Amino acid sequence: MGKVTALIPCAGQGKRMGGRVSKQFLRINDRPLLAYTLDPFQKHPLIDDIILVTREEDIPFCWEEIVQKEGFSKVSQVVAGGQERQDSVYQGLLALDKETDWVVIHDGARPMISWKTINAVLEAAVEKGAAIVGVPAKDTIKLVNPDLTVQDTPPRELLWHIQTPQVFRKTLVLKAYQEAIAHGWQGTDDASLVEKLGVPVYVVQGEYTNIKITTPEDFAFLFEALRGQVKK
């Protein structure tokens, strides 16, 4: 399948966590949250290397306290990100070496990713060219107007909560980001930019536990999961 690089954006400030420390550096069981995210990629046999994208001022901390201290030998680069996630991912894409064939983009604040999910999305991407992870919506989702009146209720069976990893051929995702810059496109995930090229993106079902740590409640859930009280 060629060389596979995991690109981990972790440049967010985590304002919704309510603290001054970036959420990906918050410690749990005396390890940074980001270390738990990196673990499965470090150990996965199909992941050849890892690129971290963080705030410029956090690069020394990432290298010394996470990469070196935790022994993440697959991390080849820690690069400076941009103002928004989309900017940070693009900086990571520019750092890819010419040998990379596939890019696995995964949020630094999703530490509960499993090998099962990584395997499934990689397999789908190699077969289809672009694949992402998601889970079917459990709740009814409504489109709501600015005045908070309901505009529409889409059929729930068509709605999925999309997660990461999102896996693409390097040439495809790089083109999508370059076109986004040229046309001023903004996307809430990587796949939305690929979709604008008219390329089909396939969804594989992941796990509901693969949450993005965004709020103090999410952090509490992670703590309990790591104590073995939440089973995948």
Protein backbone atom coordinates (compact mmCIF):
# COMPACT_ATOMS: atom_id res chain seq x y z
CA MET A 1 0.00 0.00 0.00
CA GLY A 2 3.02 2.29 0.15
CA LYS A 3 4.16 4.61 2.89
CA VAL A 4 1.53 5.70 5.42
CA THR A 5 1.95 8.87 7.48
CA ALA A 6 -0.26 9.80 10.42
CA LEU A 7 -0.83 13.55 10.63
CA ILE A 8 -1.96 14.66 14.08
CA PRO A 9 -3.16 18.28 14.42
CA CYS A 10 -2.94 19.37 18.06
CA ALA A 11 -2.71 23.15 17.84
CA GLY A 12 -6.05 23.96 19.48
CA GLN A 13 -6.18 26.01 22.65
CA GLY A 14 -9.07 24.10 24.22
CA LYS A 15 -11.00 27.16 25.38
CA ARG A 16 -14.06 25.06 26.20
CA MET A 17 -12.04 23.15 28.78
CA GLY A 18 -11.94 26.36 30.81
CA GLY A 19 -8.22 26.33 31.60
CA ARG A 20 -5.00 27.90 30.39
CA VAL A 21 -3.27 24.66 29.41
CA SER A 22 -4.01 23.32 25.91
CA LYS A 23 -6.34 20.34 26.28
CA GLN A 24 -4.01 17.95 24.45
CA PHE A 25 -1.35 18.60 27.11
CA LEU A 26 -3.61 18.10 30.13
CA ARG A 27 -2.30 15.24 32.24
CA ILE A 28 -4.21 12.13 33.15
CA ASN A 29 -2.55 9.34 35.13
CA ASP A 30 0.62 11.43 34.89
CA ARG A 31 0.68 11.38 31.07
CA PRO A 32 -0.36 14.11 28.61
CA LEU A 33 -3.63 13.42 26.82
CA LEU A 34 -1.77 13.58 23.50
CA ALA A 35 0.37 10.61 24.52
CA TYR A 36 -2.74 8.41 24.66
CA THR A 37 -3.69 9.56 21.16
CA LEU A 38 -0.24 8.74 19.81
CA ASP A 39 0.01 5.28 21.41
CA PRO A 40 -2.01 3.28 18.82
CA PHE A 41 -0.30 4.98 15.87
CA GLN A 42 3.16 4.41 17.35
CA LYS A 43 2.40 0.70 17.80
CA HIS A 44 0.43 0.10 14.59
CA PRO A 45 2.47 -1.88 12.02
CA LEU A 46 1.01 -0.05 9.00
CA ILE A 47 1.86 3.45 10.25
CA ASP A 48 5.35 4.37 9.04
CA ASP A 49 5.76 7.79 10.60
CA ILE A 50 3.89 10.51 12.44
CA ILE A 51 3.83 14.29 11.99
CA LEU A 52 2.55 16.44 14.84
CA VAL A 53 1.21 19.93 14.17
CA THR A 54 1.06 22.24 17.17
CA ARG A 55 1.40 25.88 18.12
CA GLU A 56 4.89 27.20 17.47
CA GLU A 57 5.43 28.00 21.14
CA ASP A 58 4.50 24.42 22.09
CA ILE A 59 7.00 22.69 19.78
CA PRO A 60 9.77 22.38 22.43
CA PHE A 61 7.29 20.93 24.94
CA CYS A 62 6.02 18.41 22.37
CA TRP A 63 9.53 17.24 21.52
CA GLU A 64 10.90 17.07 25.04
CA GLU A 65 7.93 16.09 27.21
CA ILE A 66 5.98 13.92 24.79
CA VAL A 67 8.03 12.64 21.84
CA GLN A 68 11.33 12.07 23.63
CA LYS A 69 10.11 11.37 27.16
CA GLU A 70 7.41 8.95 26.01
CA GLY A 71 9.61 7.30 23.36
CA PHE A 72 7.48 8.03 20.30
CA SER A 73 10.12 7.02 17.77
CA LYS A 74 7.77 7.24 14.78
CA VAL A 75 7.30 11.00 15.23
CA SER A 76 9.52 12.40 12.49
CA GLN A 77 8.52 16.06 12.70
CA VAL A 78 6.74 18.54 14.94
CA VAL A 79 5.69 21.51 12.83
CA ALA A 80 4.01 24.82 13.59
CA GLY A 81 0.32 25.05 12.82
CA GLY A 82 -1.89 27.95 11.84
CA GLN A 83 -4.80 29.94 13.22
CA GLU A 84 -7.47 27.34 12.44
CA ARG A 85 -7.44 23.55 12.21
CA GLN A 86 -7.61 23.75 8.42
CA ASP A 87 -4.47 25.91 8.38
CA SER A 88 -2.68 23.49 10.69
CA VAL A 89 -3.52 20.42 8.62
CA TYR A 90 -2.25 22.18 5.50
CA GLN A 91 1.06 22.93 7.21
CA GLY A 92 1.28 19.26 8.10
CA LEU A 93 0.57 18.24 4.51
CA LEU A 94 3.35 20.51 3.28
CA ALA A 95 5.74 18.71 5.64
CA LEU A 96 5.05 15.27 4.13
CA ASP A 97 7.98 13.70 2.34
CA LYS A 98 7.75 12.62 -1.28
CA GLU A 99 7.63 8.92 -0.36
CA THR A 100 4.32 9.23 1.50
CA ASP A 101 1.41 7.63 -0.37
CA TRP A 102 -1.37 7.75 2.24
CA VAL A 103 -2.22 10.29 4.92
CA VAL A 104 -4.12 9.36 8.08
CA ILE A 105 -5.42 12.60 9.63
CA HIS A 106 -6.49 12.23 13.25
CA ASP A 107 -7.43 14.79 15.90
CA GLY A 108 -4.91 15.07 18.69
CA ALA A 109 -7.78 15.26 21.19
CA ARG A 110 -9.24 11.85 20.24
CA PRO A 111 -7.25 9.51 22.49
CA MET A 112 -9.63 6.54 22.41
CA ILE A 113 -9.03 5.47 18.82
CA SER A 114 -8.62 1.70 18.41
CA TRP A 115 -6.59 -0.47 16.05
CA LYS A 116 -9.89 -1.96 14.84
CA THR A 117 -11.03 1.43 13.57
CA ILE A 118 -7.62 2.34 12.12
CA ASN A 119 -7.55 -0.96 10.24
CA ALA A 120 -11.07 -0.51 8.88
CA VAL A 121 -10.59 3.03 7.59
CA LEU A 122 -7.18 2.23 6.07
CA GLU A 123 -8.61 -0.77 4.26
CA ALA A 124 -11.52 1.27 2.90
CA ALA A 125 -9.25 4.12 1.79
CA VAL A 126 -6.88 1.82 -0.08
CA GLU A 127 -9.86 0.28 -1.87
CA LYS A 128 -11.78 3.51 -2.54
CA GLY A 129 -9.19 6.32 -2.40
CA ALA A 130 -10.82 8.30 0.43
CA ALA A 131 -12.43 7.04 3.63
CA ILE A 132 -13.53 8.48 6.96
CA VAL A 133 -14.84 7.19 10.28
CA GLY A 134 -18.28 7.88 11.67
CA VAL A 135 -21.11 6.51 13.79
CA PRO A 136 -24.86 6.62 13.07
CA ALA A 137 -26.71 9.43 14.83
CA LYS A 138 -28.65 8.21 17.86
CA ASP A 139 -30.59 11.41 18.46
CA THR A 140 -32.97 13.29 16.20
CA ILE A 141 -31.07 16.09 14.45
CA LYS A 142 -32.85 19.30 13.44
CA LEU A 143 -31.84 22.20 11.23
CA VAL A 144 -32.48 25.33 13.28
CA ASN A 145 -32.91 28.89 12.01
CA PRO A 146 -31.03 31.87 13.54
CA ASP A 147 -34.22 32.75 15.47
CA LEU A 148 -34.15 29.23 16.98
CA THR A 149 -37.20 27.97 15.10
CA VAL A 150 -36.96 24.56 13.46
CA GLN A 151 -36.32 24.66 9.73
CA ASP A 152 -36.28 20.94 8.98
CA THR A 153 -35.82 17.48 10.47
CA PRO A 154 -33.62 15.32 8.21
CA PRO A 155 -34.20 11.55 8.24
CA ARG A 156 -32.09 10.21 11.08
CA GLU A 157 -31.10 7.10 9.14
CA LEU A 158 -29.11 9.33 6.76
CA LEU A 159 -27.21 11.17 9.49
CA TRP A 160 -23.83 10.16 10.88
CA HIS A 161 -21.54 11.80 13.41
CA ILE A 162 -18.21 12.04 11.63
CA GLN A 163 -14.98 11.45 13.51
CA THR A 164 -11.35 10.89 12.66
CA PRO A 165 -9.18 9.23 11.36
CA GLN A 166 -9.81 10.40 7.83
CA VAL A 167 -7.58 8.70 5.26
CA PHE A 168 -6.72 9.90 1.75
CA ARG A 169 -4.17 9.47 -0.97
CA LYS A 170 -1.60 12.18 -0.39
CA THR A 171 -2.03 13.64 -3.87
CA LEU A 172 -5.81 13.87 -3.43
CA VAL A 173 -5.91 15.57 -0.04
CA LEU A 174 -3.08 17.93 -0.94
CA LYS A 175 -4.97 18.99 -4.07
CA ALA A 176 -8.14 19.50 -2.01
CA TYR A 177 -6.34 21.81 0.40
CA GLN A 178 -4.64 23.74 -2.39
CA GLU A 179 -7.99 24.25 -4.11
CA ALA A 180 -9.49 25.36 -0.80
CA ILE A 181 -6.85 28.06 -0.51
CA ALA A 182 -7.35 29.15 -4.11
CA HIS A 183 -11.15 29.39 -3.79
CA GLY A 184 -11.49 30.39 -0.14
CA TRP A 185 -13.25 27.19 0.86
CA GLN A 186 -13.66 26.47 4.56
CA GLY A 187 -14.44 23.01 5.85
CA THR A 188 -15.17 21.63 9.29
CA ASP A 189 -13.26 18.47 8.43
CA ASP A 190 -10.80 17.26 5.81
CA ALA A 191 -13.34 15.22 3.88
CA SER A 192 -15.53 18.26 3.20
CA LEU A 193 -12.72 19.75 1.12
CA VAL A 194 -12.22 16.51 -0.80
CA GLU A 195 -15.97 16.39 -1.43
CA LYS A 196 -15.75 19.79 -3.13
CA LEU A 197 -13.55 18.17 -5.79
CA GLY A 198 -16.43 15.84 -6.63
CA VAL A 199 -14.58 12.81 -5.26
CA PRO A 200 -16.66 10.20 -3.39
CA VAL A 201 -15.71 9.80 0.26
CA TYR A 202 -16.64 6.51 1.92
CA VAL A 203 -17.70 6.14 5.54
CA VAL A 204 -16.77 3.21 7.76
CA GLN A 205 -18.53 2.68 11.06
CA GLY A 206 -16.31 3.40 14.03
CA GLU A 207 -16.94 3.40 17.76
CA TYR A 208 -19.02 5.74 19.92
CA THR A 209 -16.20 5.88 22.46
CA ASN A 210 -13.93 7.62 19.92
CA ILE A 211 -14.95 11.05 21.20
CA LYS A 212 -13.10 14.32 20.84
CA ILE A 213 -12.11 15.65 24.26
CA THR A 214 -13.66 19.11 24.20
CA THR A 215 -15.32 19.75 27.56
CA PRO A 216 -14.59 18.90 31.21
CA GLU A 217 -17.28 16.22 30.96
CA ASP A 218 -15.39 14.58 28.09
CA PHE A 219 -12.22 14.60 30.17
CA ALA A 220 -14.07 12.93 33.04
CA PHE A 221 -15.33 10.26 30.63
CA LEU A 222 -11.78 9.63 29.45
CA PHE A 223 -10.55 9.33 33.02
CA GLU A 224 -13.16 6.69 33.78
CA ALA A 225 -12.42 4.87 30.52
CA LEU A 226 -8.74 4.64 31.33
CA ARG A 227 -9.67 3.23 34.73
CA GLY A 228 -11.48 0.46 32.92
CA GLN A 229 -14.98 1.58 33.88
CA VAL A 230 -15.99 2.29 30.28
CA LYS A 231 -15.59 -0.61 27.87
CA LYS A 232 -15.05 -0.17 24.16
